Amino acid sequence: MKPVRNIAPEPTETPAELLQRYLTRQGLKSTRQRSIIVETFLAAEGHLDVDQLLARVRVQDPRVSAATVYRTMKLLTECGLAHAQNFGGGHTRYESTFRREHHDHLICTGCGTIVEFENDRIEALQDQVARHHGYTIHDHKLELYGLCRDCQARAARGARL
């Protein structure tokens, strides 16, 4: 059966209810391990890769496999509860999208820190550029790569040695 992607949450629906509705539509069952993964992911802040999520999940159930985490994250991404992003370094990171507004990212190429930000002027400029070229934007992402303040300071200290 072909996945129904990104189903919209009902106004009072919880993430668990949205996932259950998605699983039912796909003919899949909810499992205890899948529930632990989902709860752990949704409780986390920021952007997690599978290894980070797996380490947190194994605190509750050491028998959970990496394959189960990968499959669950694929389901969460398909149903719209998670967004998969590759910020470089070869690791896909996931962030919760449940009832979250659009935001962009600053990524430190030194330490890997990710800062989320919103800027109305940037959004307006992107719309203006798209209109100028005859485009209608359906979706977009903005990722800015550089060095955070701490990594800049470390680099400056290293240059002085």
Protein backbone atom coordinates (compact mmCIF):
# COMPACT_ATOMS: atom_id res chain seq x y z
CA MET A 1 0.00 0.00 0.00
CA LYS A 2 1.35 3.42 -0.93
CA PRO A 3 1.93 5.70 2.10
CA VAL A 4 -0.43 8.62 2.63
CA ARG A 5 2.03 11.37 3.44
CA ASN A 6 1.66 14.25 5.86
CA ILE A 7 -1.86 13.87 7.15
CA ALA A 8 -3.12 17.02 8.85
CA PRO A 9 -3.72 16.83 12.59
CA GLU A 10 -7.24 17.35 13.87
CA PRO A 11 -7.53 20.45 16.11
CA THR A 12 -7.42 18.52 19.40
CA GLU A 13 -5.44 15.50 18.19
CA THR A 14 -2.28 14.47 20.03
CA PRO A 15 0.82 13.24 18.18
CA ALA A 16 0.07 9.69 19.35
CA GLU A 17 -3.47 9.91 17.96
CA LEU A 18 -2.23 11.29 14.64
CA LEU A 19 0.31 8.48 14.36
CA GLN A 20 -2.31 5.86 15.26
CA ARG A 21 -4.63 7.23 12.56
CA TYR A 22 -1.74 7.06 10.06
CA LEU A 23 -0.80 3.51 11.08
CA THR A 24 -4.41 2.39 10.74
CA ARG A 25 -4.62 3.88 7.23
CA GLN A 26 -1.44 2.02 6.31
CA GLY A 27 -2.64 -1.26 7.80
CA LEU A 28 0.14 -1.21 10.40
CA LYS A 29 -0.02 -1.95 14.11
CA SER A 30 1.21 0.05 17.05
CA THR A 31 3.91 -1.71 19.03
CA ARG A 32 5.37 -1.08 22.46
CA GLN A 33 8.83 -0.40 21.05
CA ARG A 34 7.43 1.97 18.43
CA SER A 35 5.54 3.83 21.18
CA ILE A 36 8.72 4.21 23.26
CA ILE A 37 10.58 5.59 20.24
CA VAL A 38 7.80 8.06 19.41
CA GLU A 39 7.45 9.28 23.00
CA THR A 40 11.22 9.67 23.38
CA PHE A 41 11.54 11.52 20.07
CA LEU A 42 8.65 13.90 20.75
CA ALA A 43 9.98 14.68 24.24
CA ALA A 44 13.42 15.58 22.85
CA GLU A 45 14.47 19.10 22.03
CA GLY A 46 16.36 20.01 18.91
CA HIS A 47 17.62 17.75 16.15
CA LEU A 48 18.46 14.11 16.80
CA ASP A 49 20.15 11.54 14.62
CA VAL A 50 19.17 7.87 14.89
CA ASP A 51 22.16 7.00 17.10
CA GLN A 52 21.26 9.73 19.62
CA LEU A 53 17.62 8.65 19.64
CA LEU A 54 18.57 4.99 19.95
CA ALA A 55 20.76 5.72 22.99
CA ARG A 56 17.86 7.51 24.70
CA VAL A 57 15.36 4.78 23.80
CA ARG A 58 17.62 1.99 25.06
CA VAL A 59 17.52 3.52 28.54
CA GLN A 60 13.89 2.38 28.61
CA ASP A 61 14.25 -0.79 26.54
CA PRO A 62 17.74 -2.11 25.71
CA ARG A 63 16.28 -4.55 23.17
CA VAL A 64 15.22 -1.83 20.69
CA SER A 65 17.24 -2.16 17.49
CA ALA A 66 18.59 0.57 15.25
CA ALA A 67 16.46 -0.86 12.43
CA THR A 68 13.30 -0.35 14.51
CA VAL A 69 14.30 3.27 15.16
CA TYR A 70 14.99 3.85 11.45
CA ARG A 71 11.63 2.35 10.44
CA THR A 72 9.77 4.34 13.09
CA MET A 73 11.44 7.60 12.04
CA LYS A 74 10.48 6.85 8.44
CA LEU A 75 6.85 6.46 9.56
CA LEU A 76 6.99 9.68 11.58
CA THR A 77 8.40 11.51 8.58
CA GLU A 78 5.79 10.07 6.22
CA CYS A 79 2.88 11.04 8.45
CA GLY A 80 4.22 14.54 9.07
CA LEU A 81 5.29 14.29 12.72
CA ALA A 82 9.01 14.52 11.91
CA HIS A 83 11.20 16.23 9.36
CA ALA A 84 14.42 14.60 8.18
CA GLN A 85 17.31 16.93 7.44
CA ASN A 86 20.90 16.44 6.43
CA PHE A 87 23.06 19.26 7.75
CA GLY A 88 26.27 17.65 6.49
CA GLY A 89 28.48 15.15 8.22
CA GLY A 90 26.63 12.19 6.73
CA HIS A 91 23.97 11.96 9.44
CA THR A 92 20.29 12.56 8.91
CA ARG A 93 18.80 14.45 11.83
CA TYR A 94 15.15 14.58 12.75
CA GLU A 95 13.08 17.28 14.36
CA SER A 96 9.48 17.24 15.48
CA THR A 97 7.08 19.11 13.22
CA PHE A 98 3.92 18.65 15.28
CA ARG A 99 2.18 22.03 15.48
CA ARG A 100 5.47 23.86 14.87
CA GLU A 101 5.85 26.95 12.75
CA HIS A 102 8.31 27.27 9.90
CA HIS A 103 11.85 28.18 10.92
CA ASP A 104 15.31 28.27 9.40
CA HIS A 105 18.68 27.04 10.68
CA LEU A 106 22.18 28.24 11.47
CA ILE A 107 24.60 25.30 11.50
CA CYS A 108 28.08 25.46 13.02
CA THR A 109 30.56 23.58 10.85
CA GLY A 110 32.94 23.37 13.80
CA CYS A 111 30.94 21.83 16.63
CA GLY A 112 27.67 20.95 14.89
CA THR A 113 25.46 23.24 16.97
CA ILE A 114 22.16 24.04 15.27
CA VAL A 115 20.26 27.24 16.03
CA GLU A 116 16.69 27.66 14.85
CA PHE A 117 15.54 31.15 13.92
CA GLU A 118 12.65 33.02 12.33
CA ASN A 119 13.00 36.25 10.40
CA ASP A 120 10.07 37.94 8.67
CA ARG A 121 12.33 40.07 6.46
CA ILE A 122 14.08 36.99 5.08
CA GLU A 123 10.73 35.32 4.43
CA ALA A 124 9.44 38.42 2.61
CA LEU A 125 12.61 38.66 0.53
CA GLN A 126 12.34 34.99 -0.49
CA ASP A 127 8.74 35.60 -1.61
CA GLN A 128 9.84 38.68 -3.55
CA VAL A 129 12.65 36.78 -5.32
CA ALA A 130 10.27 33.94 -6.20
CA ARG A 131 7.65 36.33 -7.62
CA HIS A 132 10.35 38.14 -9.63
CA HIS A 133 11.22 34.83 -11.30
CA GLY A 134 7.58 33.80 -11.77
CA TYR A 135 7.52 31.17 -9.02
CA THR A 136 4.96 30.34 -6.41
CA ILE A 137 6.66 28.88 -3.33
CA HIS A 138 5.14 25.70 -1.88
CA ASP A 139 7.92 24.94 0.57
CA HIS A 140 11.46 26.00 1.31
CA LYS A 141 14.32 25.69 3.74
CA LEU A 142 17.15 28.01 4.59
CA GLU A 143 20.32 26.64 6.11
CA LEU A 144 23.24 28.95 6.88
CA TYR A 145 26.59 27.27 7.57
CA GLY A 146 29.46 28.89 9.45
CA LEU A 147 31.22 29.00 12.80
CA CYS A 148 29.45 29.76 16.06
CA ARG A 149 30.88 32.30 18.49
CA ASP A 150 32.64 29.61 20.57
CA CYS A 151 34.28 27.95 17.55
CA GLN A 152 35.39 31.34 16.23
CA ALA A 153 37.03 32.05 19.61
CA ARG A 154 38.73 28.62 19.63
CA ALA A 155 40.00 29.21 16.08
CA ALA A 156 41.33 32.65 17.04
CA ARG A 157 43.14 31.24 20.09
CA GLY A 158 44.66 28.48 17.95
CA ALA A 159 45.89 31.00 15.39
CA ARG A 160 47.68 32.97 18.11
CA LEU A 161 49.58 29.99 19.51
